[in-house]
Protein backbone atom coordinates (compact mmCIF):
# COMPACT_ATOMS: atom_id res chain seq x y z
CA UNK A 1 0.00 0.00 0.00
CA UNK A 2 2.21 2.78 -1.25
CA UNK A 3 -0.59 5.28 -1.72
CA UNK A 4 -0.44 8.03 0.89
CA UNK A 5 -3.69 8.20 2.90
CA UNK A 6 -5.91 11.22 2.43
CA UNK A 7 -6.31 13.76 5.22
CA UNK A 8 -9.68 15.28 6.10
CA UNK A 9 -9.89 18.89 4.93
CA UNK A 10 -13.25 19.93 6.38
CA UNK A 11 -13.73 17.61 9.36
CA UNK A 12 -12.15 17.76 12.79
CA UNK A 13 -13.45 15.11 15.21
CA UNK A 14 -14.02 16.27 18.77
CA UNK A 15 -12.47 14.90 21.97
CA UNK A 16 -11.36 11.27 21.59
CA UNK A 17 -13.24 10.60 18.35
CA UNK A 18 -11.56 9.15 15.25
CA UNK A 19 -12.61 9.19 11.57
CA UNK A 20 -11.73 5.96 9.76
CA UNK A 21 -12.02 4.96 6.11
CA UNK A 22 -12.76 1.24 5.84
CA UNK A 23 -10.65 -0.97 3.63
CA UNK A 24 -12.45 -3.12 1.07
CA UNK A 25 -12.96 -6.77 2.07
CA UNK A 26 -11.65 -9.47 -0.24
CA UNK A 27 -14.12 -10.54 -2.95
CA UNK A 28 -12.25 -13.77 -3.75
CA UNK A 29 -11.76 -16.54 -1.19
CA UNK A 30 -8.42 -18.17 -0.40
CA UNK A 31 -9.44 -21.05 -2.69
CA UNK A 32 -10.12 -18.70 -5.62
CA UNK A 33 -13.93 -18.67 -5.39
CA UNK A 34 -15.68 -15.38 -6.23
CA UNK A 35 -17.78 -14.13 -3.29
CA UNK A 36 -20.93 -12.11 -4.11
CA UNK A 37 -21.47 -8.84 -2.21
CA UNK A 38 -24.39 -10.28 -0.25
CA UNK A 39 -22.12 -12.82 1.48
CA UNK A 40 -19.24 -10.48 2.30
CA UNK A 41 -19.23 -8.99 5.80
CA UNK A 42 -18.20 -5.36 6.14
CA UNK A 43 -14.53 -4.81 6.82
CA UNK A 44 -13.32 -4.39 10.40
CA UNK A 45 -10.08 -2.74 9.28
CA UNK A 46 -9.35 0.72 8.03
CA UNK A 47 -7.08 3.74 7.86
CA UNK A 48 -7.28 6.66 10.30
CA UNK A 49 -8.51 9.68 8.30
CA UNK A 50 -8.68 12.32 11.07
CA UNK A 51 -8.30 12.40 14.86
CA UNK A 52 -9.66 14.51 17.69
CA UNK A 53 -7.46 16.57 20.01
CA UNK A 54 -7.61 14.02 22.86
CA UNK A 55 -6.45 11.05 20.77
CA UNK A 56 -2.98 10.34 22.08
CA UNK A 57 -2.37 6.81 20.74
CA UNK A 58 -3.23 7.27 17.05
CA UNK A 59 -2.02 9.31 14.11
CA UNK A 60 -3.50 10.00 10.67
CA UNK A 61 -2.53 7.15 8.34
CA UNK A 62 -2.42 4.39 11.00
CA UNK A 63 -3.96 1.06 9.96
CA UNK A 64 -6.40 -0.11 12.65
CA UNK A 65 -8.80 -2.93 13.53
CA UNK A 66 -12.12 -2.27 15.25
CA UNK A 67 -15.27 -4.15 16.28
CA UNK A 68 -17.80 -5.26 13.68
CA UNK A 69 -20.54 -2.93 14.97
CA UNK A 70 -18.31 -0.01 16.04
CA UNK A 71 -18.82 3.50 14.73
CA UNK A 72 -21.40 5.52 12.86
CA UNK A 73 -21.25 5.95 9.07
CA UNK A 74 -20.74 9.53 7.85
CA UNK A 75 -19.63 11.14 4.58
CA UNK A 76 -16.71 13.59 4.83
CA UNK A 77 -15.14 15.29 1.80
CA UNK A 78 -17.15 12.88 -0.39
CA UNK A 79 -15.60 9.83 1.29
CA UNK A 80 -17.65 7.36 3.33
CA UNK A 81 -16.11 7.07 6.80
CA UNK A 82 -16.83 5.71 10.23
CA UNK A 83 -16.62 7.92 13.30
CA UNK A 84 -15.92 6.19 16.62
CA UNK A 85 -14.23 6.63 19.96
CA UNK A 86 -10.55 5.84 20.24
CA UNK A 87 -11.46 3.14 22.79
CA UNK A 88 -13.49 1.27 20.10
CA UNK A 89 -10.26 0.57 18.21
CA UNK A 90 -8.83 -2.81 19.11
CA UNK A 91 -5.31 -2.53 17.65
CA UNK A 92 -3.14 -0.62 15.22
CA UNK A 93 -0.57 -2.07 12.86
PDB file of N, CA and C in Angstrom:
ATOM      1  N   UNK A   1       0.833  -1.178   0.000  1.00  0.00           N
ATOM      2  CA  UNK A   1       0.000   0.000   0.000  1.00  0.00           C
ATOM      3  C   UNK A   1       0.876   1.238   0.000  1.00  0.00           C
ATOM      4  N   UNK A   2       1.310   1.645  -1.133  1.00  0.00           N
ATOM      5  CA  UNK A   2       2.209   2.779  -1.247  1.00  0.00           C
ATOM      6  C   UNK A   2       1.470   4.100  -1.356  1.00  0.00           C
ATOM      7  N   UNK A   3       0.171   4.060  -1.578  1.00  0.00           N
ATOM      8  CA  UNK A   3      -0.595   5.280  -1.723  1.00  0.00           C
ATOM      9  C   UNK A   3      -0.703   5.986  -0.375  1.00  0.00           C
ATOM     10  N   UNK A   4      -0.384   7.253  -0.346  1.00  0.00           N
ATOM     11  CA  UNK A   4      -0.442   8.031   0.887  1.00  0.00           C
ATOM     12  C   UNK A   4      -1.909   8.254   1.255  1.00  0.00           C
ATOM     13  N   UNK A   5      -2.290   8.024   2.525  1.00  0.00           N
ATOM     14  CA  UNK A   5      -3.687   8.197   2.904  1.00  0.00           C
ATOM     15  C   UNK A   5      -4.110   9.660   2.836  1.00  0.00           C
ATOM     16  N   UNK A   6      -5.369   9.865   2.496  1.00  0.00           N
ATOM     17  CA  UNK A   6      -5.910  11.218   2.430  1.00  0.00           C
ATOM     18  C   UNK A   6      -6.085  11.773   3.834  1.00  0.00           C
ATOM     19  N   UNK A   7      -6.109  13.083   3.942  1.00  0.00           N
ATOM     20  CA  UNK A   7      -6.312  13.757   5.224  1.00  0.00           C
ATOM     21  C   UNK A   7      -7.572  14.592   5.099  1.00  0.00           C
ATOM     22  N   UNK A   8      -8.429  14.535   6.123  1.00  0.00           N
ATOM     23  CA  UNK A   8      -9.678  15.285   6.099  1.00  0.00           C
ATOM     24  C   UNK A   8      -9.404  16.778   6.018  1.00  0.00           C
ATOM     25  N   UNK A   9     -10.076  17.461   5.100  1.00  0.00           N
ATOM     26  CA  UNK A   9      -9.889  18.894   4.935  1.00  0.00           C
ATOM     27  C   UNK A   9     -10.937  19.694   5.685  1.00  0.00           C
ATOM     28  N   UNK A  10     -12.156  19.164   5.783  1.00  0.00           N
ATOM     29  CA  UNK A  10     -13.249  19.926   6.381  1.00  0.00           C
ATOM     30  C   UNK A  10     -13.704  19.371   7.715  1.00  0.00           C
ATOM     31  N   UNK A  11     -13.232  18.229   8.143  1.00  0.00           N
ATOM     32  CA  UNK A  11     -13.730  17.609   9.358  1.00  0.00           C
ATOM     33  C   UNK A  11     -12.653  17.544  10.429  1.00  0.00           C
ATOM     34  N   UNK A  12     -13.035  17.899  11.635  1.00  0.00           N
ATOM     35  CA  UNK A  12     -12.151  17.760  12.786  1.00  0.00           C
ATOM     36  C   UNK A  12     -12.957  17.088  13.886  1.00  0.00           C
ATOM     37  N   UNK A  13     -12.726  15.791  14.144  1.00  0.00           N
ATOM     38  CA  UNK A  13     -13.455  15.109  15.206  1.00  0.00           C
ATOM     39  C   UNK A  13     -13.188  15.771  16.559  1.00  0.00           C
ATOM     40  N   UNK A  14     -14.156  15.683  17.449  1.00  0.00           N
ATOM     41  CA  UNK A  14     -14.021  16.274  18.773  1.00  0.00           C
ATOM     42  C   UNK A  14     -13.556  15.242  19.787  1.00  0.00           C
ATOM     43  N   UNK A  15     -12.927  15.714  20.845  1.00  0.00           N
ATOM     44  CA  UNK A  15     -12.472  14.900  21.972  1.00  0.00           C
ATOM     45  C   UNK A  15     -11.661  13.698  21.521  1.00  0.00           C
ATOM     46  N   UNK A  16     -12.116  12.492  21.899  1.00  0.00           N
ATOM     47  CA  UNK A  16     -11.360  11.270  21.586  1.00  0.00           C
ATOM     48  C   UNK A  16     -11.942  10.526  20.389  1.00  0.00           C
ATOM     49  N   UNK A  17     -12.635  11.231  19.516  1.00  0.00           N
ATOM     50  CA  UNK A  17     -13.241  10.604  18.345  1.00  0.00           C
ATOM     51  C   UNK A  17     -12.220  10.473  17.212  1.00  0.00           C
ATOM     52  N   UNK A  18     -12.454   9.461  16.362  1.00  0.00           N
ATOM     53  CA  UNK A  18     -11.561   9.155  15.247  1.00  0.00           C
ATOM     54  C   UNK A  18     -12.398   8.921  13.997  1.00  0.00           C
ATOM     55  N   UNK A  19     -11.987   9.482  12.858  1.00  0.00           N
ATOM     56  CA  UNK A  19     -12.610   9.195  11.568  1.00  0.00           C
ATOM     57  C   UNK A  19     -11.776   8.130  10.877  1.00  0.00           C
ATOM     58  N   UNK A  20     -12.437   7.072  10.391  1.00  0.00           N
ATOM     59  CA  UNK A  20     -11.734   5.958   9.760  1.00  0.00           C
ATOM     60  C   UNK A  20     -12.367   5.650   8.416  1.00  0.00           C
ATOM     61  N   UNK A  21     -11.532   5.445   7.399  1.00  0.00           N
ATOM     62  CA  UNK A  21     -12.019   4.955   6.113  1.00  0.00           C
ATOM     63  C   UNK A  21     -11.797   3.446   6.105  1.00  0.00           C
ATOM     64  N   UNK A  22     -12.862   2.699   5.842  1.00  0.00           N
ATOM     65  CA  UNK A  22     -12.762   1.240   5.841  1.00  0.00           C
ATOM     66  C   UNK A  22     -12.046   0.747   4.601  1.00  0.00           C
ATOM     67  N   UNK A  23     -11.266  -0.312   4.771  1.00  0.00           N
ATOM     68  CA  UNK A  23     -10.646  -0.970   3.625  1.00  0.00           C
ATOM     69  C   UNK A  23     -11.661  -1.925   3.026  1.00  0.00           C
ATOM     70  N   UNK A  24     -11.517  -2.218   1.756  1.00  0.00           N
ATOM     71  CA  UNK A  24     -12.454  -3.116   1.070  1.00  0.00           C
ATOM     72  C   UNK A  24     -12.149  -4.566   1.441  1.00  0.00           C
ATOM     73  N   UNK A  25     -13.184  -5.347   1.797  1.00  0.00           N
ATOM     74  CA  UNK A  25     -12.960  -6.765   2.071  1.00  0.00           C
ATOM     75  C   UNK A  25     -12.666  -7.531   0.787  1.00  0.00           C
ATOM     76  N   UNK A  26     -11.999  -8.639   0.920  1.00  0.00           N
ATOM     77  CA  UNK A  26     -11.653  -9.467  -0.241  1.00  0.00           C
ATOM     78  C   UNK A  26     -12.918 -10.021  -0.897  1.00  0.00           C
ATOM     79  N   UNK A  27     -12.965 -10.012  -2.233  1.00  0.00           N
ATOM     80  CA  UNK A  27     -14.118 -10.543  -2.953  1.00  0.00           C
ATOM     81  C   UNK A  27     -13.829 -11.923  -3.544  1.00  0.00           C
ATOM     82  N   UNK A  28     -12.615 -12.433  -3.298  1.00  0.00           N
ATOM     83  CA  UNK A  28     -12.248 -13.775  -3.754  1.00  0.00           C
ATOM     84  C   UNK A  28     -11.700 -14.534  -2.552  1.00  0.00           C
ATOM     85  N   UNK A  29     -12.204 -15.743  -2.332  1.00  0.00           N
ATOM     86  CA  UNK A  29     -11.764 -16.537  -1.185  1.00  0.00           C
ATOM     87  C   UNK A  29     -10.338 -17.047  -1.394  1.00  0.00           C
ATOM     88  N   UNK A  30      -9.780 -17.627  -0.327  1.00  0.00           N
ATOM     89  CA  UNK A  30      -8.419 -18.167  -0.403  1.00  0.00           C
ATOM     90  C   UNK A  30      -8.324 -19.273  -1.459  1.00  0.00           C
ATOM     91  N   UNK A  31      -9.428 -19.982  -1.698  1.00  0.00           N
ATOM     92  CA  UNK A  31      -9.440 -21.046  -2.692  1.00  0.00           C
ATOM     93  C   UNK A  31      -9.715 -20.568  -4.104  1.00  0.00           C
ATOM     94  N   UNK A  32      -9.897 -19.251  -4.296  1.00  0.00           N
ATOM     95  CA  UNK A  32     -10.116 -18.696  -5.618  1.00  0.00           C
ATOM     96  C   UNK A  32     -11.575 -18.580  -6.017  1.00  0.00           C
ATOM     97  N   UNK A  33     -12.492 -18.743  -5.090  1.00  0.00           N
ATOM     98  CA  UNK A  33     -13.930 -18.667  -5.386  1.00  0.00           C
ATOM     99  C   UNK A  33     -14.390 -17.214  -5.254  1.00  0.00           C
ATOM    100  N   UNK A  34     -15.141 -16.730  -6.250  1.00  0.00           N
ATOM    101  CA  UNK A  34     -15.683 -15.377  -6.228  1.00  0.00           C
ATOM    102  C   UNK A  34     -16.806 -15.306  -5.204  1.00  0.00           C
ATOM    103  N   UNK A  35     -16.758 -14.309  -4.317  1.00  0.00           N
ATOM    104  CA  UNK A  35     -17.781 -14.127  -3.292  1.00  0.00           C
ATOM    105  C   UNK A  35     -18.696 -12.972  -3.684  1.00  0.00           C
ATOM    106  N   UNK A  36     -20.018 -13.211  -3.792  1.00  0.00           N
ATOM    107  CA  UNK A  36     -20.930 -12.112  -4.115  1.00  0.00           C
ATOM    108  C   UNK A  36     -21.028 -11.136  -2.945  1.00  0.00           C
ATOM    109  N   UNK A  37     -21.406  -9.889  -3.234  1.00  0.00           N
ATOM    110  CA  UNK A  37     -21.467  -8.843  -2.213  1.00  0.00           C
ATOM    111  C   UNK A  37     -22.394  -9.192  -1.054  1.00  0.00           C
ATOM    112  N   UNK A  38     -23.431  -9.960  -1.313  1.00  0.00           N
ATOM    113  CA  UNK A  38     -24.388 -10.282  -0.255  1.00  0.00           C
ATOM    114  C   UNK A  38     -23.801 -11.204   0.812  1.00  0.00           C
ATOM    115  N   UNK A  39     -22.726 -11.908   0.502  1.00  0.00           N
ATOM    116  CA  UNK A  39     -22.119 -12.816   1.480  1.00  0.00           C
ATOM    117  C   UNK A  39     -20.904 -12.228   2.177  1.00  0.00           C
ATOM    118  N   UNK A  40     -20.439 -11.082   1.727  1.00  0.00           N
ATOM    119  CA  UNK A  40     -19.241 -10.477   2.301  1.00  0.00           C
ATOM    120  C   UNK A  40     -19.630  -9.594   3.482  1.00  0.00           C
ATOM    121  N   UNK A  41     -19.017  -9.838   4.638  1.00  0.00           N
ATOM    122  CA  UNK A  41     -19.231  -8.986   5.804  1.00  0.00           C
ATOM    123  C   UNK A  41     -18.468  -7.683   5.607  1.00  0.00           C
ATOM    124  N   UNK A  42     -18.926  -6.622   6.253  1.00  0.00           N
ATOM    125  CA  UNK A  42     -18.196  -5.360   6.139  1.00  0.00           C
ATOM    126  C   UNK A  42     -16.840  -5.487   6.816  1.00  0.00           C
ATOM    127  N   UNK A  43     -15.895  -4.747   6.333  1.00  0.00           N
ATOM    128  CA  UNK A  43     -14.530  -4.814   6.824  1.00  0.00           C
ATOM    129  C   UNK A  43     -14.429  -4.273   8.246  1.00  0.00           C
ATOM    130  N   UNK A  44     -13.575  -4.874   9.046  1.00  0.00           N
ATOM    131  CA  UNK A  44     -13.317  -4.391  10.401  1.00  0.00           C
ATOM    132  C   UNK A  44     -11.912  -3.798  10.484  1.00  0.00           C
ATOM    133  N   UNK A  45     -11.385  -3.383   9.335  1.00  0.00           N
ATOM    134  CA  UNK A  45     -10.077  -2.744   9.279  1.00  0.00           C
ATOM    135  C   UNK A  45     -10.189  -1.460   8.478  1.00  0.00           C
ATOM    136  N   UNK A  46      -9.315  -0.523   8.767  1.00  0.00           N
ATOM    137  CA  UNK A  46      -9.352   0.724   8.030  1.00  0.00           C
ATOM    138  C   UNK A  46      -8.126   1.575   8.303  1.00  0.00           C
ATOM    139  N   UNK A  47      -8.166   2.780   7.742  1.00  0.00           N
ATOM    140  CA  UNK A  47      -7.081   3.740   7.864  1.00  0.00           C
ATOM    141  C   UNK A  47      -7.622   4.971   8.586  1.00  0.00           C
ATOM    142  N   UNK A  48      -6.873   5.472   9.564  1.00  0.00           N
ATOM    143  CA  UNK A  48      -7.282   6.664  10.301  1.00  0.00           C
ATOM    144  C   UNK A  48      -7.230   7.858   9.350  1.00  0.00           C
ATOM    145  N   UNK A  49      -8.345   8.557   9.224  1.00  0.00           N
ATOM    146  CA  UNK A  49      -8.511   9.678   8.296  1.00  0.00           C
ATOM    147  C   UNK A  49      -8.337  11.014   9.006  1.00  0.00           C
ATOM    148  N   UNK A  50      -8.829  11.105  10.253  1.00  0.00           N
ATOM    149  CA  UNK A  50      -8.684  12.318  11.071  1.00  0.00           C
ATOM    150  C   UNK A  50      -8.842  11.923  12.529  1.00  0.00           C
ATOM    151  N   UNK A  51      -8.222  12.692  13.424  1.00  0.00           N
ATOM    152  CA  UNK A  51      -8.304  12.396  14.856  1.00  0.00           C
ATOM    153  C   UNK A  51      -8.686  13.644  15.634  1.00  0.00           C
ATOM    154  N   UNK A  52      -9.317  13.416  16.790  1.00  0.00           N
ATOM    155  CA  UNK A  52      -9.661  14.512  17.686  1.00  0.00           C
ATOM    156  C   UNK A  52      -8.466  14.922  18.533  1.00  0.00           C
ATOM    157  N   UNK A  53      -8.581  16.049  19.236  1.00  0.00           N
ATOM    158  CA  UNK A  53      -7.455  16.568  20.010  1.00  0.00           C
ATOM    159  C   UNK A  53      -7.053  15.703  21.205  1.00  0.00           C
ATOM    160  N   UNK A  54      -7.935  14.853  21.701  1.00  0.00           N
ATOM    161  CA  UNK A  54      -7.610  14.019  22.857  1.00  0.00           C
ATOM    162  C   UNK A  54      -7.175  12.604  22.477  1.00  0.00           C
ATOM    163  N   UNK A  55      -6.936  12.357  21.209  1.00  0.00           N
ATOM    164  CA  UNK A  55      -6.446  11.046  20.768  1.00  0.00           C
ATOM    165  C   UNK A  55      -4.937  11.043  20.871  1.00  0.00           C
ATOM    166  N   UNK A  56      -4.419  10.314  21.839  1.00  0.00           N
ATOM    167  CA  UNK A  56      -2.984  10.339  22.075  1.00  0.00           C
ATOM    168  C   UNK A  56      -2.259   9.093  21.578  1.00  0.00           C
ATOM    169  N   UNK A  57      -3.007   8.061  21.161  1.00  0.00           N
ATOM    170  CA  UNK A  57      -2.370   6.812  20.737  1.00  0.00           C
ATOM    171  C   UNK A  57      -2.399   6.593  19.233  1.00  0.00           C
ATOM    172  N   UNK A  58      -3.082   7.455  18.494  1.00  0.00           N
ATOM    173  CA  UNK A  58      -3.234   7.269  17.053  1.00  0.00           C
ATOM    174  C   UNK A  58      -2.725   8.472  16.286  1.00  0.00           C
ATOM    175  N   UNK A  59      -2.419   8.238  15.019  1.00  0.00           N
ATOM    176  CA  UNK A  59      -2.023   9.310  14.108  1.00  0.00           C
ATOM    177  C   UNK A  59      -2.724   9.069  12.773  1.00  0.00           C
ATOM    178  N   UNK A  60      -2.897  10.120  12.000  1.00  0.00           N
ATOM    179  CA  UNK A  60      -3.498  10.001  10.674  1.00  0.00           C
ATOM    180  C   UNK A  60      -2.623   9.067   9.835  1.00  0.00           C
ATOM    181  N   UNK A  61      -3.256   8.105   9.178  1.00  0.00           N
ATOM    182  CA  UNK A  61      -2.532   7.148   8.345  1.00  0.00           C
ATOM    183  C   UNK A  61      -2.297   5.812   9.009  1.00  0.00           C
ATOM    184  N   UNK A  62      -2.573   5.681  10.314  1.00  0.00           N
ATOM    185  CA  UNK A  62      -2.419   4.390  10.999  1.00  0.00           C
ATOM    186  C   UNK A  62      -3.449   3.390  10.476  1.00  0.00           C
ATOM    187  N   UNK A  63      -3.041   2.131  10.314  1.00  0.00           N
ATOM    188  CA  UNK A  63      -3.959   1.055   9.964  1.00  0.00           C
ATOM    189  C   UNK A  63      -4.475   0.469  11.267  1.00  0.00           C
ATOM    190  N   UNK A  64      -5.796   0.324  11.389  1.00  0.00           N
ATOM    191  CA  UNK A  64      -6.396  -0.112  12.649  1.00  0.00           C
ATOM    192  C   UNK A  64      -7.429  -1.211  12.422  1.00  0.00           C
ATOM    193  N   UNK A  65      -7.735  -1.931  13.498  1.00  0.00           N
ATOM    194  CA  UNK A  65      -8.798  -2.930  13.531  1.00  0.00           C
ATOM    195  C   UNK A  65      -9.789  -2.505  14.603  1.00  0.00           C
ATOM    196  N   UNK A  66     -11.079  -2.679  14.315  1.00  0.00           N
ATOM    197  CA  UNK A  66     -12.121  -2.275  15.253  1.00  0.00           C
ATOM    198  C   UNK A  66     -13.234  -3.310  15.240  1.00  0.00           C
ATOM    199  N   UNK A  67     -14.163  -3.213  16.180  1.00  0.00           N
ATOM    200  CA  UNK A  67     -15.267  -4.154  16.275  1.00  0.00           C
ATOM    201  C   UNK A  67     -16.210  -4.078  15.089  1.00  0.00           C
ATOM    202  N   UNK A  68     -16.918  -5.167  14.847  1.00  0.00           N
ATOM    203  CA  UNK A  68     -17.804  -5.262  13.680  1.00  0.00           C
ATOM    204  C   UNK A  68     -18.917  -4.220  13.696  1.00  0.00           C
ATOM    205  N   UNK A  69     -19.423  -3.871  14.869  1.00  0.00           N
ATOM    206  CA  UNK A  69     -20.540  -2.927  14.967  1.00  0.00           C
ATOM    207  C   UNK A  69     -20.108  -1.564  15.502  1.00  0.00           C
ATOM    208  N   UNK A  70     -18.820  -1.278  15.522  1.00  0.00           N
ATOM    209  CA  UNK A  70     -18.311  -0.013  16.045  1.00  0.00           C
ATOM    210  C   UNK A  70     -18.528   1.110  15.048  1.00  0.00           C
ATOM    211  N   UNK A  71     -18.780   2.292  15.551  1.00  0.00           N
ATOM    212  CA  UNK A  71     -18.822   3.496  14.727  1.00  0.00           C
ATOM    213  C   UNK A  71     -20.154   3.799  14.077  1.00  0.00           C
ATOM    214  N   UNK A  72     -20.228   5.012  13.569  1.00  0.00           N
ATOM    215  CA  UNK A  72     -21.396   5.522  12.855  1.00  0.00           C
ATOM    216  C   UNK A  72     -20.917   5.967  11.480  1.00  0.00           C
ATOM    217  N   UNK A  73     -21.646   5.578  10.435  1.00  0.00           N
ATOM    218  CA  UNK A  73     -21.251   5.952   9.072  1.00  0.00           C
ATOM    219  C   UNK A  73     -21.574   7.416   8.810  1.00  0.00           C
ATOM    220  N   UNK A  74     -20.584   8.135   8.255  1.00  0.00           N
ATOM    221  CA  UNK A  74     -20.741   9.532   7.846  1.00  0.00           C
ATOM    222  C   UNK A  74     -20.004   9.731   6.528  1.00  0.00           C
ATOM    223  N   UNK A  75     -20.335  10.802   5.816  1.00  0.00           N
ATOM    224  CA  UNK A  75     -19.629  11.144   4.581  1.00  0.00           C
ATOM    225  C   UNK A  75     -18.887  12.451   4.822  1.00  0.00           C
ATOM    226  N   UNK A  76     -17.567  12.420   4.618  1.00  0.00           N
ATOM    227  CA  UNK A  76     -16.713  13.587   4.827  1.00  0.00           C
ATOM    228  C   UNK A  76     -15.874  13.789   3.568  1.00  0.00           C
ATOM    229  N   UNK A  77     -15.896  14.970   3.026  1.00  0.00           N
ATOM    230  CA  UNK A  77     -15.144  15.288   1.800  1.00  0.00           C
ATOM    231  C   UNK A  77     -15.476  14.319   0.670  1.00  0.00           C
ATOM    232  N   UNK A  78     -16.732  13.817   0.639  1.00  0.00           N
ATOM    233  CA  UNK A  78     -17.155  12.884  -0.394  1.00  0.00           C
ATOM    234  C   UNK A  78     -16.688  11.459  -0.181  1.00  0.00           C
ATOM    235  N   UNK A  79     -16.100  11.165   0.982  1.00  0.00           N
ATOM    236  CA  UNK A  79     -15.602   9.825   1.292  1.00  0.00           C
ATOM    237  C   UNK A  79     -16.417   9.246   2.432  1.00  0.00           C
ATOM    238  N   UNK A  80     -16.898   8.012   2.263  1.00  0.00           N
ATOM    239  CA  UNK A  80     -17.655   7.357   3.327  1.00  0.00           C
ATOM    240  C   UNK A  80     -16.697   6.917   4.431  1.00  0.00           C
ATOM    241  N   UNK A  81     -16.978   7.353   5.646  1.00  0.00           N
ATOM    242  CA  UNK A  81     -16.112   7.074   6.796  1.00  0.00           C
ATOM    243  C   UNK A  81     -16.932   6.533   7.955  1.00  0.00           C
ATOM    244  N   UNK A  82     -16.232   6.059   8.955  1.00  0.00           N
ATOM    245  CA  UNK A  82     -16.826   5.710  10.233  1.00  0.00           C
ATOM    246  C   UNK A  82     -16.257   6.653  11.276  1.00  0.00           C
ATOM    247  N   UNK A  83     -17.104   7.132  12.187  1.00  0.00           N
ATOM    248  CA  UNK A  83     -16.616   7.918  13.304  1.00  0.00           C
ATOM    249  C   UNK A  83     -16.859   7.106  14.564  1.00  0.00           C
ATOM    250  N   UNK A  84     -15.828   6.986  15.400  1.00  0.00           N
ATOM    251  CA  UNK A  84     -15.925   6.186  16.619  1.00  0.00           C
ATOM    252  C   UNK A  84     -14.980   6.729  17.665  1.00  0.00           C
ATOM    253  N   UNK A  85     -15.147   6.259  18.883  1.00  0.00           N
ATOM    254  CA  UNK A  85     -14.233   6.629  19.963  1.00  0.00           C
ATOM    255  C   UNK A  85     -12.911   5.893  19.792  1.00  0.00           C
ATOM    256  N   UNK A  86     -11.854   6.493  20.296  1.00  0.00           N
ATOM    257  CA  UNK A  86     -10.549   5.842  20.243  1.00  0.00           C
ATOM    258  C   UNK A  86     -10.588   4.502  20.968  1.00  0.00           C
ATOM    259  N   UNK A  87     -11.386   4.390  22.020  1.00  0.00           N
ATOM    260  CA  UNK A  87     -11.462   3.142  22.795  1.00  0.00           C
ATOM    261  C   UNK A  87     -12.146   2.008  22.029  1.00  0.00           C
ATOM    262  N   UNK A  88     -12.862   2.314  20.931  1.00  0.00           N
ATOM    263  CA  UNK A  88     -13.487   1.268  20.103  1.00  0.00           C
ATOM    264  C   UNK A  88     -12.486   0.590  19.192  1.00  0.00           C
ATOM    265  N   UNK A  89     -11.299   1.151  19.061  1.00  0.00           N
ATOM    266  CA  UNK A  89     -10.260   0.573  18.207  1.00  0.00           C
ATOM    267  C   UNK A  89      -9.516  -0.492  18.997  1.00  0.00           C
ATOM    268  N   UNK A  90      -9.401  -1.678  18.419  1.00  0.00           N
ATOM    269  CA  UNK A  90      -8.829  -2.810  19.108  1.00  0.00           C
ATOM    270  C   UNK A  90      -7.316  -2.873  18.990  1.00  0.00           C
ATOM    271  N   UNK A  91      -6.764  -2.536  17.813  1.00  0.00           N
ATOM    272  CA  UNK A  91      -5.311  -2.529  17.647  1.00  0.00           C
ATOM    273  C   UNK A  91      -4.929  -1.722  16.419  1.00  0.00           C
ATOM    274  N   UNK A  92      -3.676  -1.281  16.401  1.00  0.00           N
ATOM    275  CA  UNK A  92      -3.142  -0.615  15.217  1.00  0.00           C
ATOM    276  C   UNK A  92      -1.941  -1.401  14.736  1.00  0.00           C
ATOM    277  N   UNK A  93      -1.697  -1.338  13.421  1.00  0.00           N
ATOM    278  CA  UNK A  93      -0.566  -2.067  12.855  1.00  0.00           C
ATOM    279  C   UNK A  93      -0.025  -1.343  11.662  1.00  0.00           C
TER     280      UNK A  93
END
